[in-house]
Each structure stands twice: as C-alpha cells, then as structure tokens.
Amino acid sequence: MTRSEDAREFVANDDTNTLTLVTVVFEAELELLRLQALSISKYVSPSGIQEILVIDNTSAKLSRRWKKRLTGAYGRFAPVVRFIRPNEIGRIVAVSGWRAQQALKLLVADNVSTSWYLTLDAKVHFIGDTSAASFFGNHGLPRGGVHSYRRHPLLPMLKSVLNYLDLDPDAFVDGFTSTATPFLLRAETVRCLMSDIGRRNPGGFAAEFERAALTEYFLYTAWQLAQGQQLSTLTTGESIESATIWPGSRTSNEVAHVLAATHSSKVASLAVHRTALARMSAAARDQLAQFWCERELFTSLQEAHAFIRRFRRAYYPAMINKKMRELGRRGIR
C-alpha cells in the first residue's frame, strides 16, 4: 500500500458523520455571530452536528443577556451550544489580537470530542442547505481548495511557515490549501501538532505560535507535509464555495457583484467583513438587507435594517476597546 493509499484509509476510518462547529468571537462581531447562529438554525442539518463551541474572546466575558440572545438564535441547536473562555481551554494563550483568534482555533482541539471540527469566522453565515457531509469528499477527505500563492498577499506568511518547518517554499507556493473558512480540522492532528510545536518553546504552543509569527491554517497543512504527507492525502482540492464582502466592498455595485456570485447553487455561505458592514453605503446596506430577507434570515426589511443599525452602533466602541486591550497587554499606556 502506498503512503497516499494508507493516508486515505486512515482518514476514512475517522468519523466523518458528525462535526463540532467552532467560532471565535469578540465584541465587534457579536451581532455577526448572532446572524451566523440564525443561519445555522435555518440551513444546517442537525443530524451531523454534535456540538457548537463559541470561544468567547471578549474582554469581560459575554453577559448573561448576550448568551441568552445567541442561544436563542441557534434555535434547534440551542441544546448543543457551549460557550468557552480562552482560559478554559487548558492552556495559557500568550498572544493577542488577530493572532490570538488564530491560535484559539487550534488550541480548542483539546475541547473537541468529535474526530473533525469545522472552524468558522464570525463573519460567515450560511445561505443554503448544508450538512456535515457537505464538507467531505471521496475517501472521507475534507473538502478544501488548493491554489497558487505566487502573487497572493499571504505569500510572505506562507513562506514563513514553510521555512519554519524546513520545507522548500518553491515546492509549494504554486499549490497550497486555502485559508478561508469554513475550514475543516482533524482534532487529533491538531493535538499532535501542538504537542510537537509546543516542545520548541518553554512557554508551550501558544508562546511559540506568537514568537514564530505562525498562521493557523498554513501551519496545519504544512506540519502534516513535514510529517511526510502529500497534499492529495490532506484535501480533495475541491473548494468549499463561499462568497465574501471584503472591507473594500462598500458601494452598491461592489456589494451587488459579490451577491451575484451567491446565485450559484454551490455557494452555501456568505462572509461579510465587519469593516465592510460598518462603512458600506446606504444603498449597499439596502441590497444586503434585501438579500438576507430573500434568504429568510430576517422576516422583514425593517428587521434586517435594525440588525445593521445595532451592529454599526456597537462597532466603533468595540474596536476602540479591542485596541486598548491589545495596548494594555503590551504594557503601553
């Protein structure tokens, strides 16, 4: 049996019928998480979801009111929702900000009871019917796109991770796994990865993740390649189709262009970046509100616009709080 066949047999023996969903959230994205919860209730089949973990990365812990609002939004999934704080994952997270969000997606593996877990950014919500099986392809391999990073803005990060693991960047930059969520992770692989990387630093995995400026999804794939795996044993290469409204997409035409891509039946999720929603034009907000109503995430345009107003009111105070929190961690006053 070849290494590729052996790896496929090993993956196929994993339980790919059930998943844990994981989302990391902080103050500025709470309303977006509520939208995600509504979309999960509406579009995700409950049969394959064992647990939903919400990593509460807010500065002061989610209030009882917010937990109630979010749990209610998950609807039929409410009984399997669990909120967890960074300090409850059993390891000290020594990083902050964007890198902390990344590290937590890996650190949470110690709290996952299923073989696989699906990581979601808070900005992602579902817009079409989805099930656990939707994220796996042939031989039980996880679906996930592979593309070139030769002219990609993340190329320096990819090269950094590859060099860190003594892999030749030139061998991989023309074809490497995507970093977009939804992204599937095998829990046991992540636990082995953290054990290995953690031995390189007295402070453990989180400290080494910060010191080496690692990136979660690049590290996940590259570490397996460093163990002798091939890309063909790690992913089907088939993209999990999603559309994204990035921070620069703020005009009516720009938002309409993104929404047009969702008409494909293969696109089951839409990501709306918090900065885009905070700054997009009134006409663009109208289009997005109409789209959400068409996908039955809100019952009326008034309700959709009320959601956008609540998000925008909370956005700037939350971002200021986040900045002050990060400066405080660095000892800057």
C-alpha atoms as a PDB file:
ATOM      1  CA  MET A   1       0.000   0.000   0.000  1.00  0.00           C
ATOM      2  CA  THR A   2       1.367   3.431  -0.935  1.00  0.00           C
ATOM      3  CA  ARG A   3       1.654   6.295   1.547  1.00  0.00           C
ATOM      4  CA  SER A   4      -1.238   8.042  -0.228  1.00  0.00           C
ATOM      5  CA  GLU A   5      -3.472   4.975  -0.036  1.00  0.00           C
ATOM      6  CA  ASP A   6      -2.519   4.398   3.597  1.00  0.00           C
ATOM      7  CA  ALA A   7      -3.390   8.003   4.490  1.00  0.00           C
ATOM      8  CA  ARG A   8      -6.725   7.764   2.705  1.00  0.00           C
ATOM      9  CA  GLU A   9      -7.595   4.563   4.542  1.00  0.00           C
ATOM     10  CA  PHE A  10      -6.648   6.197   7.834  1.00  0.00           C
ATOM     11  CA  VAL A  11      -8.829   9.248   7.160  1.00  0.00           C
ATOM     12  CA  ALA A  12     -11.710   7.084   6.007  1.00  0.00           C
ATOM     13  CA  ASN A  13     -11.666   5.355   9.389  1.00  0.00           C
ATOM     14  CA  ASP A  14     -12.318   8.670  11.104  1.00  0.00           C
ATOM     15  CA  ASP A  15     -15.923   9.521  11.951  1.00  0.00           C
ATOM     16  CA  THR A  16     -16.941  11.935   9.210  1.00  0.00           C
ATOM     17  CA  ASN A  17     -20.636  11.727  10.050  1.00  0.00           C
ATOM     18  CA  THR A  18     -20.507  14.195  12.936  1.00  0.00           C
ATOM     19  CA  LEU A  19     -18.839  17.551  13.412  1.00  0.00           C
ATOM     20  CA  THR A  20     -18.192  20.154  16.048  1.00  0.00           C
ATOM     21  CA  LEU A  21     -18.654  23.740  14.861  1.00  0.00           C
ATOM     22  CA  VAL A  22     -16.213  26.285  16.314  1.00  0.00           C
ATOM     23  CA  THR A  23     -16.333  30.079  16.127  1.00  0.00           C
ATOM     24  CA  VAL A  24     -14.118  32.600  17.916  1.00  0.00           C
ATOM     25  CA  VAL A  25     -15.826  35.910  18.663  1.00  0.00           C
ATOM     26  CA  PHE A  26     -15.004  39.275  20.219  1.00  0.00           C
ATOM     27  CA  GLU A  27     -17.120  42.358  20.951  1.00  0.00           C
ATOM     28  CA  ALA A  28     -17.238  43.876  17.454  1.00  0.00           C
ATOM     29  CA  GLU A  29     -18.578  40.663  15.927  1.00  0.00           C
ATOM     30  CA  LEU A  30     -21.324  39.675  18.363  1.00  0.00           C
ATOM     31  CA  GLU A  31     -24.149  40.719  16.050  1.00  0.00           C
ATOM     32  CA  LEU A  32     -22.458  38.893  13.172  1.00  0.00           C
ATOM     33  CA  LEU A  33     -22.271  35.786  15.339  1.00  0.00           C
ATOM     34  CA  ARG A  34     -25.986  36.098  16.030  1.00  0.00           C
ATOM     35  CA  LEU A  35     -26.587  36.199  12.274  1.00  0.00           C
ATOM     36  CA  GLN A  36     -24.410  33.109  11.914  1.00  0.00           C
ATOM     37  CA  ALA A  37     -26.454  31.381  14.599  1.00  0.00           C
ATOM     38  CA  LEU A  38     -29.705  32.252  12.800  1.00  0.00           C
ATOM     39  CA  SER A  39     -28.270  30.870   9.576  1.00  0.00           C
ATOM     40  CA  ILE A  40     -27.150  27.632  11.229  1.00  0.00           C
ATOM     41  CA  SER A  41     -30.645  27.142  12.615  1.00  0.00           C
ATOM     42  CA  LYS A  42     -32.133  27.812   9.183  1.00  0.00           C
ATOM     43  CA  TYR A  43     -29.806  25.943   6.852  1.00  0.00           C
ATOM     44  CA  VAL A  44     -27.611  23.391   8.643  1.00  0.00           C
ATOM     45  CA  SER A  45     -28.856  19.825   9.094  1.00  0.00           C
ATOM     46  CA  PRO A  46     -28.847  18.976  12.814  1.00  0.00           C
ATOM     47  CA  SER A  47     -28.164  15.272  12.288  1.00  0.00           C
ATOM     48  CA  GLY A  48     -24.408  15.689  11.827  1.00  0.00           C
ATOM     49  CA  ILE A  49     -23.680  18.413  14.381  1.00  0.00           C
ATOM     50  CA  GLN A  50     -22.692  17.095  17.799  1.00  0.00           C
ATOM     51  CA  GLU A  51     -21.674  20.364  19.444  1.00  0.00           C
ATOM     52  CA  ILE A  52     -21.245  24.067  18.746  1.00  0.00           C
ATOM     53  CA  LEU A  53     -18.368  25.725  20.589  1.00  0.00           C
ATOM     54  CA  VAL A  54     -18.346  29.509  20.838  1.00  0.00           C
ATOM     55  CA  ILE A  55     -14.956  30.750  22.030  1.00  0.00           C
ATOM     56  CA  ASP A  56     -15.772  33.903  23.962  1.00  0.00           C
ATOM     57  CA  ASN A  57     -12.746  36.130  23.334  1.00  0.00           C
ATOM     58  CA  THR A  58     -14.419  39.287  24.644  1.00  0.00           C
ATOM     59  CA  SER A  59     -12.573  41.360  27.232  1.00  0.00           C
ATOM     60  CA  ALA A  60     -15.062  40.980  30.084  1.00  0.00           C
ATOM     61  CA  LYS A  61     -16.887  37.711  29.243  1.00  0.00           C
ATOM     62  CA  LEU A  62     -20.225  37.515  27.498  1.00  0.00           C
ATOM     63  CA  SER A  63     -23.091  38.784  29.614  1.00  0.00           C
ATOM     64  CA  ARG A  64     -25.965  36.519  30.556  1.00  0.00           C
ATOM     65  CA  ARG A  65     -28.148  38.617  28.238  1.00  0.00           C
ATOM     66  CA  TRP A  66     -25.858  38.060  25.250  1.00  0.00           C
ATOM     67  CA  LYS A  67     -25.579  34.343  25.911  1.00  0.00           C
ATOM     68  CA  LYS A  68     -29.370  34.136  26.013  1.00  0.00           C
ATOM     69  CA  ARG A  69     -29.696  36.102  22.748  1.00  0.00           C
ATOM     70  CA  LEU A  70     -27.148  33.928  20.975  1.00  0.00           C
ATOM     71  CA  THR A  71     -28.501  30.651  22.317  1.00  0.00           C
ATOM     72  CA  GLY A  72     -31.985  31.663  21.201  1.00  0.00           C
ATOM     73  CA  ALA A  73     -30.688  32.464  17.712  1.00  0.00           C
ATOM     74  CA  TYR A  74     -29.286  28.938  17.368  1.00  0.00           C
ATOM     75  CA  GLY A  75     -32.859  27.673  17.640  1.00  0.00           C
ATOM     76  CA  ARG A  76     -32.983  23.866  17.389  1.00  0.00           C
ATOM     77  CA  PHE A  77     -29.218  23.751  18.044  1.00  0.00           C
ATOM     78  CA  ALA A  78     -29.509  25.536  21.400  1.00  0.00           C
ATOM     79  CA  PRO A  79     -29.051  22.335  23.482  1.00  0.00           C
ATOM     80  CA  VAL A  80     -25.618  21.655  21.933  1.00  0.00           C
ATOM     81  CA  VAL A  81     -24.182  25.194  22.213  1.00  0.00           C
ATOM     82  CA  ARG A  82     -21.327  25.663  24.673  1.00  0.00           C
ATOM     83  CA  PHE A  83     -19.569  28.938  25.458  1.00  0.00           C
ATOM     84  CA  ILE A  84     -15.931  28.642  26.414  1.00  0.00           C
ATOM     85  CA  ARG A  85     -13.379  31.233  27.521  1.00  0.00           C
ATOM     86  CA  PRO A  86      -9.737  31.181  26.334  1.00  0.00           C
ATOM     87  CA  ASN A  87      -8.527  30.410  29.844  1.00  0.00           C
ATOM     88  CA  GLU A  88     -10.803  27.361  29.940  1.00  0.00           C
ATOM     89  CA  ILE A  89      -9.139  25.556  27.085  1.00  0.00           C
ATOM     90  CA  GLY A  90      -6.458  24.231  29.416  1.00  0.00           C
ATOM     91  CA  ARG A  91      -3.554  26.263  28.080  1.00  0.00           C
ATOM     92  CA  ILE A  92      -2.425  29.847  28.549  1.00  0.00           C
ATOM     93  CA  VAL A  93      -2.877  31.905  25.402  1.00  0.00           C
ATOM     94  CA  ALA A  94       0.119  34.224  25.313  1.00  0.00           C
ATOM     95  CA  VAL A  95      -0.934  36.078  22.207  1.00  0.00           C
ATOM     96  CA  SER A  96      -3.446  38.811  21.498  1.00  0.00           C
ATOM     97  CA  GLY A  97      -5.483  40.328  18.702  1.00  0.00           C
ATOM     98  CA  TRP A  98      -5.732  38.669  15.297  1.00  0.00           C
ATOM     99  CA  ARG A  99      -3.064  36.085  16.116  1.00  0.00           C
ATOM    100  CA  ALA A 100      -4.949  35.081  19.268  1.00  0.00           C
ATOM    101  CA  GLN A 101      -8.030  34.367  17.153  1.00  0.00           C
ATOM    102  CA  GLN A 102      -5.864  32.076  15.029  1.00  0.00           C
ATOM    103  CA  ALA A 103      -4.191  30.298  17.944  1.00  0.00           C
ATOM    104  CA  LEU A 104      -7.522  29.665  19.642  1.00  0.00           C
ATOM    105  CA  LYS A 105      -8.823  27.794  16.590  1.00  0.00           C
ATOM    106  CA  LEU A 106      -6.052  25.259  17.200  1.00  0.00           C
ATOM    107  CA  LEU A 107      -5.956  25.326  20.999  1.00  0.00           C
ATOM    108  CA  VAL A 108      -9.640  24.432  21.159  1.00  0.00           C
ATOM    109  CA  ALA A 109      -8.875  20.946  19.780  1.00  0.00           C
ATOM    110  CA  ASP A 110      -8.393  19.770  23.382  1.00  0.00           C
ATOM    111  CA  ASN A 111     -12.081  20.513  23.952  1.00  0.00           C
ATOM    112  CA  VAL A 112     -13.399  18.833  20.821  1.00  0.00           C
ATOM    113  CA  SER A 113     -14.892  15.355  21.198  1.00  0.00           C
ATOM    114  CA  THR A 114     -15.565  14.642  17.505  1.00  0.00           C
ATOM    115  CA  SER A 115     -12.893  13.465  15.078  1.00  0.00           C
ATOM    116  CA  TRP A 116     -13.253  16.625  12.995  1.00  0.00           C
ATOM    117  CA  TYR A 117     -14.254  20.188  13.716  1.00  0.00           C
ATOM    118  CA  LEU A 118     -15.330  22.940  11.362  1.00  0.00           C
ATOM    119  CA  THR A 119     -13.924  26.391  12.088  1.00  0.00           C
ATOM    120  CA  LEU A 120     -15.969  29.424  11.127  1.00  0.00           C
ATOM    121  CA  ASP A 121     -15.137  33.097  11.295  1.00  0.00           C
ATOM    122  CA  ALA A 122     -17.920  35.123  12.903  1.00  0.00           C
ATOM    123  CA  LYS A 123     -18.378  36.976   9.615  1.00  0.00           C
ATOM    124  CA  VAL A 124     -19.546  33.764   7.890  1.00  0.00           C
ATOM    125  CA  HIS A 125     -23.204  32.798   7.695  1.00  0.00           C
ATOM    126  CA  PHE A 126     -24.992  30.104   5.740  1.00  0.00           C
ATOM    127  CA  ILE A 127     -27.314  30.965   2.868  1.00  0.00           C
ATOM    128  CA  GLY A 128     -28.142  27.496   1.557  1.00  0.00           C
ATOM    129  CA  ASP A 129     -28.791  23.981   2.808  1.00  0.00           C
ATOM    130  CA  THR A 130     -25.677  22.413   4.349  1.00  0.00           C
ATOM    131  CA  SER A 131     -24.831  19.242   6.253  1.00  0.00           C
ATOM    132  CA  ALA A 132     -21.766  17.687   7.855  1.00  0.00           C
ATOM    133  CA  ALA A 133     -21.367  15.530   4.756  1.00  0.00           C
ATOM    134  CA  SER A 134     -21.103  18.669   2.598  1.00  0.00           C
ATOM    135  CA  PHE A 135     -17.582  19.265   3.906  1.00  0.00           C
ATOM    136  CA  PHE A 136     -16.173  15.854   2.982  1.00  0.00           C
ATOM    137  CA  GLY A 137     -15.399  14.323  -0.377  1.00  0.00           C
ATOM    138  CA  ASN A 138     -14.095  10.989  -1.631  1.00  0.00           C
ATOM    139  CA  HIS A 139     -12.370   8.632   0.810  1.00  0.00           C
ATOM    140  CA  GLY A 140     -13.564  10.786   3.709  1.00  0.00           C
ATOM    141  CA  LEU A 141     -11.080  13.508   2.806  1.00  0.00           C
ATOM    142  CA  PRO A 142     -12.017  17.050   3.801  1.00  0.00           C
ATOM    143  CA  ARG A 143     -13.011  19.364   1.015  1.00  0.00           C
ATOM    144  CA  GLY A 144     -10.818  22.410   0.604  1.00  0.00           C
ATOM    145  CA  GLY A 145      -9.393  24.376  -2.273  1.00  0.00           C
ATOM    146  CA  VAL A 146      -5.782  24.406  -3.411  1.00  0.00           C
ATOM    147  CA  HIS A 147      -4.475  27.430  -5.292  1.00  0.00           C
ATOM    148  CA  SER A 148      -1.344  29.381  -6.124  1.00  0.00           C
ATOM    149  CA  TYR A 149       0.131  31.881  -3.696  1.00  0.00           C
ATOM    150  CA  ARG A 150       2.785  33.091  -6.143  1.00  0.00           C
ATOM    151  CA  ARG A 151       1.148  36.540  -6.383  1.00  0.00           C
ATOM    152  CA  HIS A 152      -1.055  36.300  -3.295  1.00  0.00           C
ATOM    153  CA  PRO A 153      -0.838  38.859  -0.454  1.00  0.00           C
ATOM    154  CA  LEU A 154      -0.424  35.973   2.027  1.00  0.00           C
ATOM    155  CA  LEU A 155       2.689  34.673   0.257  1.00  0.00           C
ATOM    156  CA  PRO A 156       5.106  36.040   2.930  1.00  0.00           C
ATOM    157  CA  MET A 157       3.117  34.282   5.672  1.00  0.00           C
ATOM    158  CA  LEU A 158       3.083  31.002   3.770  1.00  0.00           C
ATOM    159  CA  LYS A 159       6.820  31.179   3.118  1.00  0.00           C
ATOM    160  CA  SER A 160       7.455  31.953   6.776  1.00  0.00           C
ATOM    161  CA  VAL A 161       5.576  28.840   7.932  1.00  0.00           C
ATOM    162  CA  LEU A 162       7.198  26.622   5.306  1.00  0.00           C
ATOM    163  CA  ASN A 163      10.679  27.846   6.224  1.00  0.00           C
ATOM    164  CA  TYR A 164       9.899  27.340   9.911  1.00  0.00           C
ATOM    165  CA  LEU A 165       9.147  23.666   9.229  1.00  0.00           C
ATOM    166  CA  ASP A 166      12.174  23.267   6.921  1.00  0.00           C
ATOM    167  CA  LEU A 167      10.031  22.851   3.826  1.00  0.00           C
ATOM    168  CA  ASP A 168      11.090  24.311   0.480  1.00  0.00           C
ATOM    169  CA  PRO A 169       8.692  27.179  -0.350  1.00  0.00           C
ATOM    170  CA  ASP A 170       9.313  26.806  -4.086  1.00  0.00           C
ATOM    171  CA  ALA A 171       7.838  23.320  -3.914  1.00  0.00           C
ATOM    172  CA  PHE A 172       4.506  24.545  -2.529  1.00  0.00           C
ATOM    173  CA  VAL A 173       3.737  28.188  -3.360  1.00  0.00           C
ATOM    174  CA  ASP A 174       2.133  27.250  -6.685  1.00  0.00           C
ATOM    175  CA  GLY A 175      -0.361  24.972  -4.950  1.00  0.00           C
ATOM    176  CA  PHE A 176      -1.318  25.162  -1.298  1.00  0.00           C
ATOM    177  CA  THR A 177      -4.510  24.894   0.709  1.00  0.00           C
ATOM    178  CA  SER A 178      -6.871  27.828   1.026  1.00  0.00           C
ATOM    179  CA  THR A 179      -7.095  29.728   4.311  1.00  0.00           C
ATOM    180  CA  ALA A 180     -10.760  30.717   4.053  1.00  0.00           C
ATOM    181  CA  THR A 181     -13.408  29.465   6.445  1.00  0.00           C
ATOM    182  CA  PRO A 182     -15.334  27.197   6.634  1.00  0.00           C
ATOM    183  CA  PHE A 183     -12.160  25.140   7.236  1.00  0.00           C
ATOM    184  CA  LEU A 184     -12.106  21.549   8.491  1.00  0.00           C
ATOM    185  CA  LEU A 185      -9.540  20.434  11.064  1.00  0.00           C
ATOM    186  CA  ARG A 186      -8.876  16.929  12.333  1.00  0.00           C
ATOM    187  CA  ALA A 187      -8.772  17.245  16.129  1.00  0.00           C
ATOM    188  CA  GLU A 188      -6.152  14.574  16.791  1.00  0.00           C
ATOM    189  CA  THR A 189      -3.857  16.020  14.122  1.00  0.00           C
ATOM    190  CA  VAL A 190      -4.111  19.430  15.759  1.00  0.00           C
ATOM    191  CA  ARG A 191      -3.331  17.948  19.168  1.00  0.00           C
ATOM    192  CA  CYS A 192      -0.214  16.219  17.779  1.00  0.00           C
ATOM    193  CA  LEU A 193       0.813  19.421  16.018  1.00  0.00           C
ATOM    194  CA  MET A 194       0.518  21.450  19.212  1.00  0.00           C
ATOM    195  CA  SER A 195       2.474  18.898  21.195  1.00  0.00           C
ATOM    196  CA  ASP A 196       5.293  18.963  18.657  1.00  0.00           C
ATOM    197  CA  ILE A 197       5.428  22.744  18.216  1.00  0.00           C
ATOM    198  CA  GLY A 198       4.964  23.328  21.951  1.00  0.00           C
ATOM    199  CA  ARG A 199       8.158  21.421  22.746  1.00  0.00           C
ATOM    200  CA  ARG A 200      10.128  24.107  20.928  1.00  0.00           C
ATOM    201  CA  ASN A 201       9.340  26.793  23.485  1.00  0.00           C
ATOM    202  CA  PRO A 202       9.372  26.714  27.326  1.00  0.00           C
ATOM    203  CA  GLY A 203       6.120  28.679  27.206  1.00  0.00           C
ATOM    204  CA  GLY A 204       4.394  25.992  25.184  1.00  0.00           C
ATOM    205  CA  PHE A 205       2.498  26.065  21.904  1.00  0.00           C
ATOM    206  CA  ALA A 206       0.853  29.488  22.215  1.00  0.00           C
ATOM    207  CA  ALA A 207       4.146  31.184  23.046  1.00  0.00           C
ATOM    208  CA  GLU A 208       5.882  29.526  20.099  1.00  0.00           C
ATOM    209  CA  PHE A 209       2.973  30.365  17.798  1.00  0.00           C
ATOM    210  CA  GLU A 210       3.464  34.029  18.695  1.00  0.00           C
ATOM    211  CA  ARG A 211       7.258  34.003  18.643  1.00  0.00           C
ATOM    212  CA  ALA A 212       7.469  32.419  15.211  1.00  0.00           C
ATOM    213  CA  ALA A 213       4.566  34.507  13.816  1.00  0.00           C
ATOM    214  CA  LEU A 214       2.780  31.382  12.610  1.00  0.00           C
ATOM    215  CA  THR A 215      -0.558  31.206  10.793  1.00  0.00           C
ATOM    216  CA  GLU A 216      -3.114  28.601  11.832  1.00  0.00           C
ATOM    217  CA  TYR A 217      -4.256  27.022   8.552  1.00  0.00           C
ATOM    218  CA  PHE A 218      -0.861  27.251   6.852  1.00  0.00           C
ATOM    219  CA  LEU A 219       0.665  25.593   9.912  1.00  0.00           C
ATOM    220  CA  TYR A 220      -1.971  22.848   9.971  1.00  0.00           C
ATOM    221  CA  THR A 221      -1.274  21.811   6.373  1.00  0.00           C
ATOM    222  CA  ALA A 222       2.487  22.425   6.408  1.00  0.00           C
ATOM    223  CA  TRP A 223       3.034  20.443   9.615  1.00  0.00           C
ATOM    224  CA  GLN A 224       1.398  17.399   8.036  1.00  0.00           C
ATOM    225  CA  LEU A 225       3.524  17.821   4.919  1.00  0.00           C
ATOM    226  CA  ALA A 226       6.581  17.930   7.168  1.00  0.00           C
ATOM    227  CA  GLN A 227       5.487  14.539   8.571  1.00  0.00           C
ATOM    228  CA  GLY A 228       5.658  13.059   5.080  1.00  0.00           C
ATOM    229  CA  GLN A 229       2.073  13.525   3.907  1.00  0.00           C
ATOM    230  CA  GLN A 230       1.129  14.774   0.438  1.00  0.00           C
ATOM    231  CA  LEU A 231      -1.469  17.418  -0.380  1.00  0.00           C
ATOM    232  CA  SER A 232      -3.508  14.743  -2.148  1.00  0.00           C
ATOM    233  CA  THR A 233      -3.900  12.909   1.186  1.00  0.00           C
ATOM    234  CA  LEU A 234      -4.972  16.027   3.075  1.00  0.00           C
ATOM    235  CA  THR A 235      -7.713  17.534   0.929  1.00  0.00           C
ATOM    236  CA  THR A 236      -9.843  16.768  -2.091  1.00  0.00           C
ATOM    237  CA  GLY A 237      -8.688  20.031  -3.654  1.00  0.00           C
ATOM    238  CA  GLU A 238     -12.351  20.913  -4.191  1.00  0.00           C
ATOM    239  CA  SER A 239     -13.181  24.359  -2.874  1.00  0.00           C
ATOM    240  CA  ILE A 240     -15.916  24.924  -0.311  1.00  0.00           C
ATOM    241  CA  GLU A 241     -17.686  27.583  -2.327  1.00  0.00           C
ATOM    242  CA  SER A 242     -18.330  30.817  -0.452  1.00  0.00           C
ATOM    243  CA  ALA A 243     -18.688  34.497  -1.292  1.00  0.00           C
ATOM    244  CA  THR A 244     -17.072  37.320   0.666  1.00  0.00           C
ATOM    245  CA  ILE A 245     -17.800  41.010   1.056  1.00  0.00           C
ATOM    246  CA  TRP A 246     -14.325  42.288   1.920  1.00  0.00           C
ATOM    247  CA  PRO A 247     -13.579  45.624   3.657  1.00  0.00           C
ATOM    248  CA  GLY A 248     -13.063  47.336   0.297  1.00  0.00           C
ATOM    249  CA  SER A 249     -16.507  46.318  -0.983  1.00  0.00           C
ATOM    250  CA  ARG A 250     -18.586  49.244   0.227  1.00  0.00           C
ATOM    251  CA  THR A 251     -20.517  50.603  -2.766  1.00  0.00           C
ATOM    252  CA  SER A 252     -23.786  49.309  -4.150  1.00  0.00           C
ATOM    253  CA  ASN A 253     -22.091  47.984  -7.295  1.00  0.00           C
ATOM    254  CA  GLU A 254     -19.360  46.209  -5.329  1.00  0.00           C
ATOM    255  CA  VAL A 255     -21.810  44.527  -2.980  1.00  0.00           C
ATOM    256  CA  ALA A 256     -24.114  43.605  -5.885  1.00  0.00           C
ATOM    257  CA  HIS A 257     -21.171  41.939  -7.633  1.00  0.00           C
ATOM    258  CA  VAL A 258     -20.475  39.741  -4.593  1.00  0.00           C
ATOM    259  CA  LEU A 259     -24.123  38.866  -4.058  1.00  0.00           C
ATOM    260  CA  ALA A 260     -24.452  37.865  -7.711  1.00  0.00           C
ATOM    261  CA  ALA A 261     -21.943  35.086  -7.051  1.00  0.00           C
ATOM    262  CA  THR A 262     -24.271  33.577  -4.445  1.00  0.00           C
ATOM    263  CA  HIS A 263     -26.814  32.623  -7.097  1.00  0.00           C
ATOM    264  CA  SER A 264     -24.770  29.509  -7.802  1.00  0.00           C
ATOM    265  CA  SER A 265     -26.294  26.527  -6.011  1.00  0.00           C
ATOM    266  CA  LYS A 266     -22.788  25.540  -4.877  1.00  0.00           C
ATOM    267  CA  VAL A 267     -22.378  28.666  -2.740  1.00  0.00           C
ATOM    268  CA  ALA A 268     -23.757  27.809   0.688  1.00  0.00           C
ATOM    269  CA  SER A 269     -22.202  30.595   2.753  1.00  0.00           C
ATOM    270  CA  LEU A 270     -21.517  34.315   2.635  1.00  0.00           C
ATOM    271  CA  ALA A 271     -18.911  36.207   4.645  1.00  0.00           C
ATOM    272  CA  VAL A 272     -19.487  39.882   5.431  1.00  0.00           C
ATOM    273  CA  HIS A 273     -16.409  41.523   6.901  1.00  0.00           C
ATOM    274  CA  ARG A 274     -17.173  43.714   9.900  1.00  0.00           C
ATOM    275  CA  THR A 275     -15.358  46.730   8.414  1.00  0.00           C
ATOM    276  CA  ALA A 276     -17.384  46.495   5.210  1.00  0.00           C
ATOM    277  CA  LEU A 277     -20.680  46.381   7.101  1.00  0.00           C
ATOM    278  CA  ALA A 278     -19.637  49.319   9.270  1.00  0.00           C
ATOM    279  CA  ARG A 279     -18.650  51.532   6.343  1.00  0.00           C
ATOM    280  CA  MET A 280     -20.714  50.487   3.326  1.00  0.00           C
ATOM    281  CA  SER A 281     -23.053  52.944   1.668  1.00  0.00           C
ATOM    282  CA  ALA A 282     -26.763  53.166   2.446  1.00  0.00           C
ATOM    283  CA  ALA A 283     -27.593  51.722  -0.981  1.00  0.00           C
ATOM    284  CA  ALA A 284     -25.269  48.778  -0.346  1.00  0.00           C
ATOM    285  CA  ARG A 285     -26.874  48.190   3.045  1.00  0.00           C
ATOM    286  CA  ASP A 286     -30.270  48.164   1.357  1.00  0.00           C
ATOM    287  CA  GLN A 287     -29.092  45.473  -1.052  1.00  0.00           C
ATOM    288  CA  LEU A 288     -27.676  43.338   1.721  1.00  0.00           C
ATOM    289  CA  ALA A 289     -30.825  43.681   3.837  1.00  0.00           C
ATOM    290  CA  GLN A 290     -32.953  42.646   0.850  1.00  0.00           C
ATOM    291  CA  PHE A 291     -30.686  39.654   0.220  1.00  0.00           C
ATOM    292  CA  TRP A 292     -30.957  38.488   3.833  1.00  0.00           C
ATOM    293  CA  CYS A 293     -34.737  38.702   3.643  1.00  0.00           C
ATOM    294  CA  GLU A 294     -34.759  36.704   0.409  1.00  0.00           C
ATOM    295  CA  ARG A 295     -32.735  34.004   2.175  1.00  0.00           C
ATOM    296  CA  GLU A 296     -35.242  34.158   5.069  1.00  0.00           C
ATOM    297  CA  LEU A 297     -32.683  35.108   7.704  1.00  0.00           C
ATOM    298  CA  PHE A 298     -34.915  38.049   8.643  1.00  0.00           C
ATOM    299  CA  THR A 299     -38.661  38.299   8.365  1.00  0.00           C
ATOM    300  CA  SER A 300     -38.731  41.885   7.084  1.00  0.00           C
ATOM    301  CA  LEU A 301     -36.548  44.665   5.730  1.00  0.00           C
ATOM    302  CA  GLN A 302     -37.186  46.585   8.931  1.00  0.00           C
ATOM    303  CA  GLU A 303     -35.780  43.736  10.985  1.00  0.00           C
ATOM    304  CA  ALA A 304     -32.734  43.416   8.719  1.00  0.00           C
ATOM    305  CA  HIS A 305     -32.009  47.143   8.876  1.00  0.00           C
ATOM    306  CA  ALA A 306     -32.443  47.125  12.651  1.00  0.00           C
ATOM    307  CA  PHE A 307     -29.782  44.409  12.787  1.00  0.00           C
ATOM    308  CA  ILE A 308     -27.401  46.531  10.704  1.00  0.00           C
ATOM    309  CA  ARG A 309     -28.020  49.595  12.889  1.00  0.00           C
ATOM    310  CA  ARG A 310     -27.273  47.643  16.072  1.00  0.00           C
ATOM    311  CA  PHE A 311     -24.079  46.325  14.560  1.00  0.00           C
ATOM    312  CA  ARG A 312     -22.913  49.753  13.402  1.00  0.00           C
ATOM    313  CA  ARG A 313     -23.680  51.396  16.760  1.00  0.00           C
ATOM    314  CA  ALA A 314     -21.585  48.818  18.591  1.00  0.00           C
ATOM    315  CA  TYR A 315     -18.758  48.544  16.059  1.00  0.00           C
ATOM    316  CA  TYR A 316     -16.543  51.565  16.786  1.00  0.00           C
ATOM    317  CA  PRO A 317     -16.713  51.369  20.614  1.00  0.00           C
ATOM    318  CA  ALA A 318     -15.873  47.665  20.359  1.00  0.00           C
ATOM    319  CA  MET A 319     -12.901  48.296  18.076  1.00  0.00           C
ATOM    320  CA  ILE A 320     -11.580  51.017  20.412  1.00  0.00           C
ATOM    321  CA  ASN A 321     -11.950  48.593  23.330  1.00  0.00           C
ATOM    322  CA  LYS A 322     -10.066  45.941  21.351  1.00  0.00           C
ATOM    323  CA  LYS A 323      -7.227  48.347  20.570  1.00  0.00           C
ATOM    324  CA  MET A 324      -6.894  49.476  24.183  1.00  0.00           C
ATOM    325  CA  ARG A 325      -6.936  45.844  25.308  1.00  0.00           C
ATOM    326  CA  GLU A 326      -4.070  44.958  22.971  1.00  0.00           C
ATOM    327  CA  LEU A 327      -2.035  48.002  24.031  1.00  0.00           C
ATOM    328  CA  GLY A 328      -2.607  47.077  27.662  1.00  0.00           C
ATOM    329  CA  ARG A 329      -1.294  43.567  27.050  1.00  0.00           C
ATOM    330  CA  ARG A 330       1.869  45.088  25.575  1.00  0.00           C
ATOM    331  CA  GLY A 331       2.284  47.363  28.582  1.00  0.00           C
ATOM    332  CA  ILE A 332       1.587  50.506  26.532  1.00  0.00           C
ATOM    333  CA  ARG A 333      -0.424  53.280  28.168  1.00  0.00           C
END
